Amino acid sequence: MTTMPSDGTLSTGHGTGERGLAALVGRLIDDSRSVVSAEVTLYKAKASERVAAYKSAIVFFVAAGVLALAALIALLVGLIGALATLVGPLGATGIVVAVVLVIAGILAAIGRSKLAAPELPR
């Protein structure tokens, strides 16, 4: 029996089936490696794109944080200036610093309680 494979070569069908099958399996393995390599390259590209987007976002968040801190400092200086007319500059500074430290202590205590390991039910 004579058959015509898709590659155009003529095969008699005697003893060539195993070689043809081995070649197909070899091509399948090579193609699989190529697909996996292409997928890895694609995921690397996607990851680097996300990292670039996150870097940009981080820059804007840092800038916003710096400006918010500057605004908070200006507010505190303004409070000291406003209180200075009532209790003097040293008293106003002491009052503002004490209040800010109390608020900072409360926030730190809340943060610490959030870090504590949660109790697991028994």
PDB file of N, CA and C in Angstrom:
ATOM      1  N   MET A   1       0.836  -1.163   0.000  1.00  0.00           N
ATOM      2  CA  MET A   1       0.000   0.000   0.000  1.00  0.00           C
ATOM      3  C   MET A   1       0.887   1.234   0.000  1.00  0.00           C
ATOM      4  N   THR A   2       0.570   2.212  -0.830  1.00  0.00           N
ATOM      5  CA  THR A   2       1.336   3.444  -0.947  1.00  0.00           C
ATOM      6  C   THR A   2       0.469   4.597  -0.473  1.00  0.00           C
ATOM      7  N   THR A   3       1.049   5.446   0.424  1.00  0.00           N
ATOM      8  CA  THR A   3       0.306   6.595   0.937  1.00  0.00           C
ATOM      9  C   THR A   3       1.071   7.877   0.663  1.00  0.00           C
ATOM     10  N   MET A   4       0.361   8.980   0.617  1.00  0.00           N
ATOM     11  CA  MET A   4       0.983  10.290   0.369  1.00  0.00           C
ATOM     12  C   MET A   4       0.781  11.152   1.608  1.00  0.00           C
ATOM     13  N   PRO A   5       1.828  11.343   2.469  1.00  0.00           N
ATOM     14  CA  PRO A   5       1.704  12.222   3.627  1.00  0.00           C
ATOM     15  C   PRO A   5       1.533  13.675   3.187  1.00  0.00           C
ATOM     16  N   SER A   6       1.197  14.492   4.147  1.00  0.00           N
ATOM     17  CA  SER A   6       0.940  15.905   3.843  1.00  0.00           C
ATOM     18  C   SER A   6       2.197  16.659   3.437  1.00  0.00           C
ATOM     19  N   ASP A   7       3.398  16.112   3.753  1.00  0.00           N
ATOM     20  CA  ASP A   7       4.609  16.837   3.373  1.00  0.00           C
ATOM     21  C   ASP A   7       5.027  16.547   1.938  1.00  0.00           C
ATOM     22  N   GLY A   8       4.286  15.694   1.227  1.00  0.00           N
ATOM     23  CA  GLY A   8       4.519  15.458  -0.185  1.00  0.00           C
ATOM     24  C   GLY A   8       5.445  14.303  -0.479  1.00  0.00           C
ATOM     25  N   THR A   9       5.991  13.627   0.526  1.00  0.00           N
ATOM     26  CA  THR A   9       6.877  12.494   0.283  1.00  0.00           C
ATOM     27  C   THR A   9       6.053  11.232   0.151  1.00  0.00           C
ATOM     28  N   LEU A  10       6.589  10.278  -0.556  1.00  0.00           N
ATOM     29  CA  LEU A  10       5.890   9.022  -0.784  1.00  0.00           C
ATOM     30  C   LEU A  10       6.365   7.997   0.227  1.00  0.00           C
ATOM     31  N   SER A  11       5.421   7.334   0.904  1.00  0.00           N
ATOM     32  CA  SER A  11       5.756   6.359   1.924  1.00  0.00           C
ATOM     33  C   SER A  11       5.067   5.056   1.594  1.00  0.00           C
ATOM     34  N   THR A  12       5.792   3.943   1.791  1.00  0.00           N
ATOM     35  CA  THR A  12       5.206   2.638   1.502  1.00  0.00           C
ATOM     36  C   THR A  12       4.481   2.067   2.695  1.00  0.00           C
ATOM     37  N   GLY A  13       4.657   2.669   3.867  1.00  0.00           N
ATOM     38  CA  GLY A  13       3.947   2.206   5.047  1.00  0.00           C
ATOM     39  C   GLY A  13       4.653   1.087   5.771  1.00  0.00           C
ATOM     40  N   HIS A  14       5.805   0.582   5.268  1.00  0.00           N
ATOM     41  CA  HIS A  14       6.538  -0.515   5.910  1.00  0.00           C
ATOM     42  C   HIS A  14       7.707   0.031   6.702  1.00  0.00           C
ATOM     43  N   GLY A  15       7.603   0.046   8.048  1.00  0.00           N
ATOM     44  CA  GLY A  15       8.725   0.428   8.909  1.00  0.00           C
ATOM     45  C   GLY A  15       8.906   1.925   9.054  1.00  0.00           C
ATOM     46  N   THR A  16       8.141   2.726   8.400  1.00  0.00           N
ATOM     47  CA  THR A  16       8.320   4.173   8.508  1.00  0.00           C
ATOM     48  C   THR A  16       7.385   4.788   9.524  1.00  0.00           C
ATOM     49  N   GLY A  17       6.398   4.046  10.018  1.00  0.00           N
ATOM     50  CA  GLY A  17       5.428   4.586  10.967  1.00  0.00           C
ATOM     51  C   GLY A  17       6.067   5.017  12.264  1.00  0.00           C
ATOM     52  N   GLU A  18       7.007   4.217  12.773  1.00  0.00           N
ATOM     53  CA  GLU A  18       7.657   4.564  14.037  1.00  0.00           C
ATOM     54  C   GLU A  18       8.523   5.808  13.887  1.00  0.00           C
ATOM     55  N   ARG A  19       9.248   5.909  12.756  1.00  0.00           N
ATOM     56  CA  ARG A  19      10.083   7.095  12.543  1.00  0.00           C
ATOM     57  C   ARG A  19       9.207   8.326  12.367  1.00  0.00           C
ATOM     58  N   GLY A  20       8.113   8.190  11.684  1.00  0.00           N
ATOM     59  CA  GLY A  20       7.205   9.313  11.485  1.00  0.00           C
ATOM     60  C   GLY A  20       6.575   9.748  12.798  1.00  0.00           C
ATOM     61  N   LEU A  21       6.201   8.747  13.612  1.00  0.00           N
ATOM     62  CA  LEU A  21       5.616   9.054  14.913  1.00  0.00           C
ATOM     63  C   LEU A  21       6.638   9.732  15.817  1.00  0.00           C
ATOM     64  N   ALA A  22       7.864   9.267  15.799  1.00  0.00           N
ATOM     65  CA  ALA A  22       8.916   9.873  16.609  1.00  0.00           C
ATOM     66  C   ALA A  22       9.174  11.314  16.168  1.00  0.00           C
ATOM     67  N   ALA A  23       9.125  11.542  14.864  1.00  0.00           N
ATOM     68  CA  ALA A  23       9.322  12.900  14.356  1.00  0.00           C
ATOM     69  C   ALA A  23       8.176  13.802  14.789  1.00  0.00           C
ATOM     70  N   LEU A  24       6.946  13.273  14.738  1.00  0.00           N
ATOM     71  CA  LEU A  24       5.795  14.060  15.173  1.00  0.00           C
ATOM     72  C   LEU A  24       5.869  14.394  16.655  1.00  0.00           C
ATOM     73  N   VAL A  25       6.253  13.407  17.471  1.00  0.00           N
ATOM     74  CA  VAL A  25       6.384  13.646  18.907  1.00  0.00           C
ATOM     75  C   VAL A  25       7.482  14.670  19.161  1.00  0.00           C
ATOM     76  N   GLY A  26       8.571  14.571  18.416  1.00  0.00           N
ATOM     77  CA  GLY A  26       9.665  15.537  18.549  1.00  0.00           C
ATOM     78  C   GLY A  26       9.206  16.944  18.202  1.00  0.00           C
ATOM     79  N   ARG A  27       8.442  17.058  17.110  1.00  0.00           N
ATOM     80  CA  ARG A  27       7.912  18.365  16.721  1.00  0.00           C
ATOM     81  C   ARG A  27       6.927  18.887  17.753  1.00  0.00           C
ATOM     82  N   LEU A  28       6.120  17.973  18.315  1.00  0.00           N
ATOM     83  CA  LEU A  28       5.165  18.363  19.349  1.00  0.00           C
ATOM     84  C   LEU A  28       5.888  18.921  20.576  1.00  0.00           C
ATOM     85  N   ILE A  29       6.968  18.261  20.963  1.00  0.00           N
ATOM     86  CA  ILE A  29       7.750  18.719  22.116  1.00  0.00           C
ATOM     87  C   ILE A  29       8.370  20.084  21.819  1.00  0.00           C
ATOM     88  N   ASP A  30       8.951  20.243  20.621  1.00  0.00           N
ATOM     89  CA  ASP A  30       9.547  21.527  20.248  1.00  0.00           C
ATOM     90  C   ASP A  30       8.510  22.638  20.220  1.00  0.00           C
ATOM     91  N   ASP A  31       7.344  22.335  19.636  1.00  0.00           N
ATOM     92  CA  ASP A  31       6.276  23.337  19.581  1.00  0.00           C
ATOM     93  C   ASP A  31       5.790  23.692  20.985  1.00  0.00           C
ATOM     94  N   SER A  32       5.688  22.681  21.857  1.00  0.00           N
ATOM     95  CA  SER A  32       5.257  22.942  23.232  1.00  0.00           C
ATOM     96  C   SER A  32       6.255  23.847  23.943  1.00  0.00           C
ATOM     97  N   ARG A  33       7.524  23.595  23.733  1.00  0.00           N
ATOM     98  CA  ARG A  33       8.547  24.458  24.337  1.00  0.00           C
ATOM     99  C   ARG A  33       8.431  25.885  23.818  1.00  0.00           C
ATOM    100  N   SER A  34       8.186  26.015  22.527  1.00  0.00           N
ATOM    101  CA  SER A  34       8.040  27.346  21.942  1.00  0.00           C
ATOM    102  C   SER A  34       6.831  28.073  22.525  1.00  0.00           C
ATOM    103  N   VAL A  35       5.716  27.367  22.695  1.00  0.00           N
ATOM    104  CA  VAL A  35       4.517  27.975  23.260  1.00  0.00           C
ATOM    105  C   VAL A  35       4.769  28.413  24.702  1.00  0.00           C
ATOM    106  N   VAL A  36       5.398  27.546  25.488  1.00  0.00           N
ATOM    107  CA  VAL A  36       5.696  27.890  26.885  1.00  0.00           C
ATOM    108  C   VAL A  36       6.631  29.092  26.948  1.00  0.00           C
ATOM    109  N   SER A  37       7.628  29.110  26.091  1.00  0.00           N
ATOM    110  CA  SER A  37       8.562  30.238  26.064  1.00  0.00           C
ATOM    111  C   SER A  37       7.838  31.528  25.690  1.00  0.00           C
ATOM    112  N   ALA A  38       6.941  31.455  24.717  1.00  0.00           N
ATOM    113  CA  ALA A  38       6.184  32.641  24.314  1.00  0.00           C
ATOM    114  C   ALA A  38       5.268  33.109  25.446  1.00  0.00           C
ATOM    115  N   GLU A  39       4.649  32.182  26.164  1.00  0.00           N
ATOM    116  CA  GLU A  39       3.779  32.542  27.287  1.00  0.00           C
ATOM    117  C   GLU A  39       4.582  33.215  28.396  1.00  0.00           C
ATOM    118  N   VAL A  40       5.756  32.681  28.693  1.00  0.00           N
ATOM    119  CA  VAL A  40       6.612  33.274  29.728  1.00  0.00           C
ATOM    120  C   VAL A  40       7.014  34.692  29.317  1.00  0.00           C
ATOM    121  N   THR A  41       7.375  34.865  28.049  1.00  0.00           N
ATOM    122  CA  THR A  41       7.735  36.196  27.554  1.00  0.00           C
ATOM    123  C   THR A  41       6.555  37.153  27.671  1.00  0.00           C
ATOM    124  N   LEU A  42       5.359  36.676  27.342  1.00  0.00           N
ATOM    125  CA  LEU A  42       4.161  37.503  27.437  1.00  0.00           C
ATOM    126  C   LEU A  42       3.901  37.926  28.879  1.00  0.00           C
ATOM    127  N   TYR A  43       3.993  36.979  29.828  1.00  0.00           N
ATOM    128  CA  TYR A  43       3.741  37.319  31.228  1.00  0.00           C
ATOM    129  C   TYR A  43       4.810  38.266  31.773  1.00  0.00           C
ATOM    130  N   LYS A  44       6.054  38.112  31.315  1.00  0.00           N
ATOM    131  CA  LYS A  44       7.104  39.042  31.736  1.00  0.00           C
ATOM    132  C   LYS A  44       6.797  40.454  31.238  1.00  0.00           C
ATOM    133  N   ALA A  45       6.336  40.552  29.999  1.00  0.00           N
ATOM    134  CA  ALA A  45       6.001  41.862  29.441  1.00  0.00           C
ATOM    135  C   ALA A  45       4.833  42.486  30.202  1.00  0.00           C
ATOM    136  N   LYS A  46       3.816  41.672  30.507  1.00  0.00           N
ATOM    137  CA  LYS A  46       2.680  42.190  31.265  1.00  0.00           C
ATOM    138  C   LYS A  46       3.116  42.651  32.653  1.00  0.00           C
ATOM    139  N   ALA A  47       3.972  41.874  33.295  1.00  0.00           N
ATOM    140  CA  ALA A  47       4.445  42.223  34.644  1.00  0.00           C
ATOM    141  C   ALA A  47       5.255  43.514  34.616  1.00  0.00           C
ATOM    142  N   SER A  48       6.121  43.673  33.633  1.00  0.00           N
ATOM    143  CA  SER A  48       6.931  44.890  33.569  1.00  0.00           C
ATOM    144  C   SER A  48       6.052  46.101  33.269  1.00  0.00           C
ATOM    145  N   GLU A  49       4.987  45.903  32.508  1.00  0.00           N
ATOM    146  CA  GLU A  49       4.047  46.997  32.234  1.00  0.00           C
ATOM    147  C   GLU A  49       3.325  47.414  33.511  1.00  0.00           C
ATOM    148  N   ARG A  50       2.922  46.440  34.309  1.00  0.00           N
ATOM    149  CA  ARG A  50       2.253  46.747  35.576  1.00  0.00           C
ATOM    150  C   ARG A  50       3.202  47.439  36.545  1.00  0.00           C
ATOM    151  N   VAL A  51       4.442  46.984  36.599  1.00  0.00           N
ATOM    152  CA  VAL A  51       5.423  47.598  37.487  1.00  0.00           C
ATOM    153  C   VAL A  51       5.639  49.056  37.093  1.00  0.00           C
ATOM    154  N   ALA A  52       5.710  49.319  35.796  1.00  0.00           N
ATOM    155  CA  ALA A  52       5.894  50.701  35.338  1.00  0.00           C
ATOM    156  C   ALA A  52       4.696  51.557  35.743  1.00  0.00           C
ATOM    157  N   ALA A  53       3.500  51.006  35.628  1.00  0.00           N
ATOM    158  CA  ALA A  53       2.308  51.757  36.023  1.00  0.00           C
ATOM    159  C   ALA A  53       2.312  52.005  37.532  1.00  0.00           C
ATOM    160  N   TYR A  54       2.723  50.999  38.320  1.00  0.00           N
ATOM    161  CA  TYR A  54       2.770  51.172  39.773  1.00  0.00           C
ATOM    162  C   TYR A  54       3.833  52.193  40.172  1.00  0.00           C
ATOM    163  N   LYS A  55       4.963  52.205  39.470  1.00  0.00           N
ATOM    164  CA  LYS A  55       6.002  53.194  39.779  1.00  0.00           C
ATOM    165  C   LYS A  55       5.454  54.597  39.594  1.00  0.00           C
ATOM    166  N   SER A  56       4.740  54.802  38.520  1.00  0.00           N
ATOM    167  CA  SER A  56       4.152  56.114  38.252  1.00  0.00           C
ATOM    168  C   SER A  56       3.160  56.484  39.349  1.00  0.00           C
ATOM    169  N   ALA A  57       2.316  55.548  39.741  1.00  0.00           N
ATOM    170  CA  ALA A  57       1.332  55.810  40.796  1.00  0.00           C
ATOM    171  C   ALA A  57       2.026  56.114  42.117  1.00  0.00           C
ATOM    172  N   ILE A  58       3.085  55.399  42.426  1.00  0.00           N
ATOM    173  CA  ILE A  58       3.814  55.615  43.680  1.00  0.00           C
ATOM    174  C   ILE A  58       4.401  57.029  43.717  1.00  0.00           C
ATOM    175  N   VAL A  59       4.922  57.496  42.592  1.00  0.00           N
ATOM    176  CA  VAL A  59       5.480  58.848  42.537  1.00  0.00           C
ATOM    177  C   VAL A  59       4.397  59.872  42.884  1.00  0.00           C
ATOM    178  N   PHE A  60       3.196  59.695  42.325  1.00  0.00           N
ATOM    179  CA  PHE A  60       2.114  60.632  42.609  1.00  0.00           C
ATOM    180  C   PHE A  60       1.650  60.538  44.063  1.00  0.00           C
ATOM    181  N   PHE A  61       1.592  59.317  44.624  1.00  0.00           N
ATOM    182  CA  PHE A  61       1.206  59.168  46.031  1.00  0.00           C
ATOM    183  C   PHE A  61       2.234  59.820  46.953  1.00  0.00           C
ATOM    184  N   VAL A  62       3.502  59.663  46.647  1.00  0.00           N
ATOM    185  CA  VAL A  62       4.542  60.287  47.469  1.00  0.00           C
ATOM    186  C   VAL A  62       4.431  61.810  47.398  1.00  0.00           C
ATOM    187  N   ALA A  63       4.218  62.325  46.198  1.00  0.00           N
ATOM    188  CA  ALA A  63       4.066  63.778  46.053  1.00  0.00           C
ATOM    189  C   ALA A  63       2.842  64.272  46.841  1.00  0.00           C
ATOM    190  N   ALA A  64       1.749  63.523  46.775  1.00  0.00           N
ATOM    191  CA  ALA A  64       0.542  63.904  47.529  1.00  0.00           C
ATOM    192  C   ALA A  64       0.817  63.851  49.025  1.00  0.00           C
ATOM    193  N   GLY A  65       1.544  62.837  49.478  1.00  0.00           N
ATOM    194  CA  GLY A  65       1.874  62.727  50.899  1.00  0.00           C
ATOM    195  C   GLY A  65       2.751  63.874  51.379  1.00  0.00           C
ATOM    196  N   VAL A  66       3.723  64.261  50.572  1.00  0.00           N
ATOM    197  CA  VAL A  66       4.600  65.374  50.937  1.00  0.00           C
ATOM    198  C   VAL A  66       3.796  66.666  51.036  1.00  0.00           C
ATOM    199  N   LEU A  67       2.906  66.892  50.067  1.00  0.00           N
ATOM    200  CA  LEU A  67       2.078  68.107  50.108  1.00  0.00           C
ATOM    201  C   LEU A  67       1.115  68.090  51.294  1.00  0.00           C
ATOM    202  N   ALA A  68       0.551  66.931  51.607  1.00  0.00           N
ATOM    203  CA  ALA A  68      -0.341  66.836  52.769  1.00  0.00           C
ATOM    204  C   ALA A  68       0.422  67.110  54.058  1.00  0.00           C
ATOM    205  N   LEU A  69       1.648  66.610  54.157  1.00  0.00           N
ATOM    206  CA  LEU A  69       2.470  66.873  55.342  1.00  0.00           C
ATOM    207  C   LEU A  69       2.793  68.367  55.451  1.00  0.00           C
ATOM    208  N   ALA A  70       3.093  68.988  54.322  1.00  0.00           N
ATOM    209  CA  ALA A  70       3.368  70.428  54.329  1.00  0.00           C
ATOM    210  C   ALA A  70       2.124  71.201  54.780  1.00  0.00           C
ATOM    211  N   ALA A  71       0.945  70.774  54.325  1.00  0.00           N
ATOM    212  CA  ALA A  71      -0.292  71.437  54.743  1.00  0.00           C
ATOM    213  C   ALA A  71      -0.533  71.251  56.233  1.00  0.00           C
ATOM    214  N   LEU A  72      -0.253  70.069  56.746  1.00  0.00           N
ATOM    215  CA  LEU A  72      -0.423  69.819  58.182  1.00  0.00           C
ATOM    216  C   LEU A  72       0.530  70.694  58.997  1.00  0.00           C
ATOM    217  N   ILE A  73       1.753  70.813  58.540  1.00  0.00           N
ATOM    218  CA  ILE A  73       2.718  71.664  59.236  1.00  0.00           C
ATOM    219  C   ILE A  73       2.249  73.118  59.213  1.00  0.00           C
ATOM    220  N   ALA A  74       1.757  73.576  58.065  1.00  0.00           N
ATOM    221  CA  ALA A  74       1.249  74.950  57.976  1.00  0.00           C
ATOM    222  C   ALA A  74       0.076  75.156  58.928  1.00  0.00           C
ATOM    223  N   LEU A  75      -0.808  74.157  59.021  1.00  0.00           N
ATOM    224  CA  LEU A  75      -1.942  74.253  59.944  1.00  0.00           C
ATOM    225  C   LEU A  75      -1.465  74.352  61.389  1.00  0.00           C
ATOM    226  N   LEU A  76      -0.492  73.537  61.749  1.00  0.00           N
ATOM    227  CA  LEU A  76       0.021  73.563  63.118  1.00  0.00           C
ATOM    228  C   LEU A  76       0.705  74.897  63.430  1.00  0.00           C
ATOM    229  N   VAL A  77       1.453  75.419  62.478  1.00  0.00           N
ATOM    230  CA  VAL A  77       2.091  76.726  62.679  1.00  0.00           C
ATOM    231  C   VAL A  77       1.022  77.803  62.832  1.00  0.00           C
ATOM    232  N   GLY A  78      -0.031  77.696  62.024  1.00  0.00           N
ATOM    233  CA  GLY A  78      -1.137  78.639  62.140  1.00  0.00           C
ATOM    234  C   GLY A  78      -1.817  78.558  63.491  1.00  0.00           C
ATOM    235  N   LEU A  79      -1.999  77.333  64.003  1.00  0.00           N
ATOM    236  CA  LEU A  79      -2.597  77.169  65.333  1.00  0.00           C
ATOM    237  C   LEU A  79      -1.715  77.791  66.418  1.00  0.00           C
ATOM    238  N   ILE A  80      -0.421  77.587  66.274  1.00  0.00           N
ATOM    239  CA  ILE A  80       0.495  78.181  67.250  1.00  0.00           C
ATOM    240  C   ILE A  80       0.394  79.702  67.185  1.00  0.00           C
ATOM    241  N   GLY A  81       0.339  80.240  65.958  1.00  0.00           N
ATOM    242  CA  GLY A  81       0.218  81.699  65.820  1.00  0.00           C
ATOM    243  C   GLY A  81      -1.084  82.225  66.401  1.00  0.00           C
ATOM    244  N   ALA A  82      -2.172  81.490  66.189  1.00  0.00           N
ATOM    245  CA  ALA A  82      -3.465  81.938  66.709  1.00  0.00           C
ATOM    246  C   ALA A  82      -3.502  81.852  68.228  1.00  0.00           C
ATOM    247  N   LEU A  83      -2.960  80.787  68.805  1.00  0.00           N
ATOM    248  CA  LEU A  83      -2.956  80.627  70.263  1.00  0.00           C
ATOM    249  C   LEU A  83      -1.942  81.553  70.932  1.00  0.00           C
ATOM    250  N   ALA A  84      -0.927  81.971  70.196  1.00  0.00           N
ATOM    251  CA  ALA A  84       0.124  82.815  70.783  1.00  0.00           C
ATOM    252  C   ALA A  84      -0.445  84.133  71.287  1.00  0.00           C
ATOM    253  N   THR A  85      -1.483  84.601  70.658  1.00  0.00           N
ATOM    254  CA  THR A  85      -2.086  85.858  71.133  1.00  0.00           C
ATOM    255  C   THR A  85      -2.798  85.671  72.460  1.00  0.00           C
ATOM    256  N   LEU A  86      -3.200  84.436  72.770  1.00  0.00           N
ATOM    257  CA  LEU A  86      -3.926  84.175  74.019  1.00  0.00           C
ATOM    258  C   LEU A  86      -3.008  83.745  75.162  1.00  0.00           C
ATOM    259  N   VAL A  87      -2.032  82.862  74.873  1.00  0.00           N
ATOM    260  CA  VAL A  87      -1.203  82.291  75.948  1.00  0.00           C
ATOM    261  C   VAL A  87       0.283  82.530  75.733  1.00  0.00           C
ATOM    262  N   GLY A  88       0.668  83.266  74.730  1.00  0.00           N
ATOM    263  CA  GLY A  88       2.080  83.503  74.451  1.00  0.00           C
ATOM    264  C   GLY A  88       2.640  82.432  73.525  1.00  0.00           C
ATOM    265  N   PRO A  89       3.772  82.739  72.874  1.00  0.00           N
ATOM    266  CA  PRO A  89       4.345  81.806  71.902  1.00  0.00           C
ATOM    267  C   PRO A  89       4.767  80.462  72.514  1.00  0.00           C
ATOM    268  N   LEU A  90       5.390  80.494  73.684  1.00  0.00           N
ATOM    269  CA  LEU A  90       5.837  79.253  74.310  1.00  0.00           C
ATOM    270  C   LEU A  90       4.658  78.403  74.752  1.00  0.00           C
ATOM    271  N   GLY A  91       3.659  78.996  75.326  1.00  0.00           N
ATOM    272  CA  GLY A  91       2.478  78.249  75.754  1.00  0.00           C
ATOM    273  C   GLY A  91       1.726  77.673  74.570  1.00  0.00           C
ATOM    274  N   ALA A  92       1.606  78.451  73.478  1.00  0.00           N
ATOM    275  CA  ALA A  92       0.910  77.975  72.283  1.00  0.00           C
ATOM    276  C   ALA A  92       1.649  76.796  71.665  1.00  0.00           C
ATOM    277  N   THR A  93       2.969  76.898  71.621  1.00  0.00           N
ATOM    278  CA  THR A  93       3.766  75.792  71.072  1.00  0.00           C
ATOM    279  C   THR A  93       3.593  74.547  71.938  1.00  0.00           C
ATOM    280  N   GLY A  94       3.636  74.705  73.248  1.00  0.00           N
ATOM    281  CA  GLY A  94       3.463  73.564  74.156  1.00  0.00           C
ATOM    282  C   GLY A  94       2.110  72.904  74.000  1.00  0.00           C
ATOM    283  N   ILE A  95       1.057  73.712  73.896  1.00  0.00           N
ATOM    284  CA  ILE A  95      -0.292  73.167  73.747  1.00  0.00           C
ATOM    285  C   ILE A  95      -0.417  72.379  72.434  1.00  0.00           C
ATOM    286  N   VAL A  96       0.043  72.973  71.333  1.00  0.00           N
ATOM    287  CA  VAL A  96      -0.083  72.318  70.020  1.00  0.00           C
ATOM    288  C   VAL A  96       0.746  71.035  69.991  1.00  0.00           C
ATOM    289  N   VAL A  97       1.962  71.086  70.508  1.00  0.00           N
ATOM    290  CA  VAL A  97       2.814  69.887  70.526  1.00  0.00           C
ATOM    291  C   VAL A  97       2.177  68.799  71.386  1.00  0.00           C
ATOM    292  N   ALA A  98       1.657  69.150  72.547  1.00  0.00           N
ATOM    293  CA  ALA A  98       1.033  68.148  73.423  1.00  0.00           C
ATOM    294  C   ALA A  98      -0.178  67.494  72.748  1.00  0.00           C
ATOM    295  N   VAL A  99      -1.027  68.307  72.139  1.00  0.00           N
ATOM    296  CA  VAL A  99      -2.215  67.750  71.469  1.00  0.00           C
ATOM    297  C   VAL A  99      -1.806  66.830  70.317  1.00  0.00           C
ATOM    298  N   VAL A 100      -0.822  67.249  69.530  1.00  0.00           N
ATOM    299  CA  VAL A 100      -0.377  66.434  68.397  1.00  0.00           C
ATOM    300  C   VAL A 100       0.243  65.127  68.896  1.00  0.00           C
ATOM    301  N   LEU A 101       1.007  65.180  69.982  1.00  0.00           N
ATOM    302  CA  LEU A 101       1.599  63.955  70.526  1.00  0.00           C
ATOM    303  C   LEU A 101       0.534  63.000  71.078  1.00  0.00           C
ATOM    304  N   VAL A 102      -0.500  63.535  71.688  1.00  0.00           N
ATOM    305  CA  VAL A 102      -1.602  62.686  72.174  1.00  0.00           C
ATOM    306  C   VAL A 102      -2.289  62.004  70.997  1.00  0.00           C
ATOM    307  N   ILE A 103      -2.572  62.768  69.941  1.00  0.00           N
ATOM    308  CA  ILE A 103      -3.199  62.178  68.749  1.00  0.00           C
ATOM    309  C   ILE A 103      -2.289  61.113  68.143  1.00  0.00           C
ATOM    310  N   ALA A 104      -0.986  61.391  68.062  1.00  0.00           N
ATOM    311  CA  ALA A 104      -0.032  60.420  67.523  1.00  0.00           C
ATOM    312  C   ALA A 104       0.008  59.158  68.380  1.00  0.00           C
ATOM    313  N   GLY A 105      -0.039  59.323  69.701  1.00  0.00           N
ATOM    314  CA  GLY A 105      -0.041  58.158  70.592  1.00  0.00           C
ATOM    315  C   GLY A 105      -1.291  57.304  70.406  1.00  0.00           C
ATOM    316  N   ILE A 106      -2.437  57.955  70.254  1.00  0.00           N
ATOM    317  CA  ILE A 106      -3.682  57.211  70.031  1.00  0.00           C
ATOM    318  C   ILE A 106      -3.608  56.438  68.717  1.00  0.00           C
ATOM    319  N   LEU A 107      -3.140  57.098  67.660  1.00  0.00           N
ATOM    320  CA  LEU A 107      -3.018  56.427  66.360  1.00  0.00           C
ATOM    321  C   LEU A 107      -2.019  55.263  66.421  1.00  0.00           C
ATOM    322  N   ALA A 108      -0.925  55.451  67.161  1.00  0.00           N
ATOM    323  CA  ALA A 108       0.062  54.382  67.299  1.00  0.00           C
ATOM    324  C   ALA A 108      -0.524  53.196  68.064  1.00  0.00           C
ATOM    325  N   ALA A 109      -1.319  53.464  69.096  1.00  0.00           N
ATOM    326  CA  ALA A 109      -1.951  52.384  69.863  1.00  0.00           C
ATOM    327  C   ALA A 109      -2.942  51.610  68.998  1.00  0.00           C
ATOM    328  N   ILE A 110      -3.699  52.335  68.176  1.00  0.00           N
ATOM    329  CA  ILE A 110      -4.635  51.661  67.268  1.00  0.00           C
ATOM    330  C   ILE A 110      -3.864  50.800  66.269  1.00  0.00           C
ATOM    331  N   GLY A 111      -2.788  51.351  65.725  1.00  0.00           N
ATOM    332  CA  GLY A 111      -1.970  50.581  64.777  1.00  0.00           C
ATOM    333  C   GLY A 111      -1.357  49.352  65.407  1.00  0.00           C
ATOM    334  N   ARG A 112      -0.890  49.505  66.646  1.00  0.00           N
ATOM    335  CA  ARG A 112      -0.304  48.362  67.359  1.00  0.00           C
ATOM    336  C   ARG A 112      -1.338  47.280  67.598  1.00  0.00           C
ATOM    337  N   SER A 113      -2.566  47.682  67.937  1.00  0.00           N
ATOM    338  CA  SER A 113      -3.605  46.680  68.177  1.00  0.00           C
ATOM    339  C   SER A 113      -3.974  45.952  66.880  1.00  0.00           C
ATOM    340  N   LYS A 114      -3.840  46.634  65.752  1.00  0.00           N
ATOM    341  CA  LYS A 114      -4.120  45.987  64.463  1.00  0.00           C
ATOM    342  C   LYS A 114      -3.041  44.963  64.113  1.00  0.00           C
ATOM    343  N   LEU A 115      -1.826  45.166  64.619  1.00  0.00           N
ATOM    344  CA  LEU A 115      -0.732  44.235  64.335  1.00  0.00           C
ATOM    345  C   LEU A 115      -0.748  43.013  65.240  1.00  0.00           C
ATOM    346  N   ALA A 116      -1.431  43.079  66.358  1.00  0.00           N
ATOM    347  CA  ALA A 116      -1.473  41.953  67.288  1.00  0.00           C
ATOM    348  C   ALA A 116      -2.095  40.747  66.600  1.00  0.00           C
ATOM    349  N   ALA A 117      -1.570  39.586  66.916  1.00  0.00           N
ATOM    350  CA  ALA A 117      -2.088  38.355  66.304  1.00  0.00           C
ATOM    351  C   ALA A 117      -3.522  38.115  66.770  1.00  0.00           C
ATOM    352  N   PRO A 118      -4.408  37.818  65.854  1.00  0.00           N
ATOM    353  CA  PRO A 118      -5.804  37.583  66.246  1.00  0.00           C
ATOM    354  C   PRO A 118      -5.949  36.274  67.017  1.00  0.00           C
ATOM    355  N   GLU A 119      -6.845  36.281  67.942  1.00  0.00           N
ATOM    356  CA  GLU A 119      -7.118  35.071  68.734  1.00  0.00           C
ATOM    357  C   GLU A 119      -7.894  34.082  67.861  1.00  0.00           C
ATOM    358  N   LEU A 120      -7.429  32.858  67.828  1.00  0.00           N
ATOM    359  CA  LEU A 120      -8.108  31.828  67.057  1.00  0.00           C
ATOM    360  C   LEU A 120      -9.127  31.122  67.941  1.00  0.00           C
ATOM    361  N   PRO A 121     -10.304  30.851  67.423  1.00  0.00           N
ATOM    362  CA  PRO A 121     -11.311  30.142  68.229  1.00  0.00           C
ATOM    363  C   PRO A 121     -10.846  28.716  68.534  1.00  0.00           C
ATOM    364  N   ARG A 122     -11.192  28.250  69.731  1.00  0.00           N
ATOM    365  CA  ARG A 122     -10.762  26.904  70.117  1.00  0.00           C
ATOM    366  C   ARG A 122     -11.835  25.906  69.936  1.00  0.00           C
TER     367      ARG A 122
END
